[in-house]
């Protein structure tokens, strides 16, 4: 499944991504060079640790998927709160 990074809270490592099923909140497990609009590919359907491919940066990144199938408002609020 492909996803686009829509928001990034760098201090907390939280990002929101938009998939075809809604928005997900994800925590980066390491320090990665990511940008808003980067396209990720991986399994965003369920919670847990996942290695996804950042197609825009040509690298694999380790993330923890915290919440899936959120509204844009809920995802935005969670990422801002850190």
Foldseek 3Di string as FASTA:
>chain_A
DKWFWADADVVQQWTWTQDPLAIWIKHFPDDDDDDGGFMKDDDQPDFAWDWIARPVVGDITIITTDDPNDHPVVNVVVRVVD
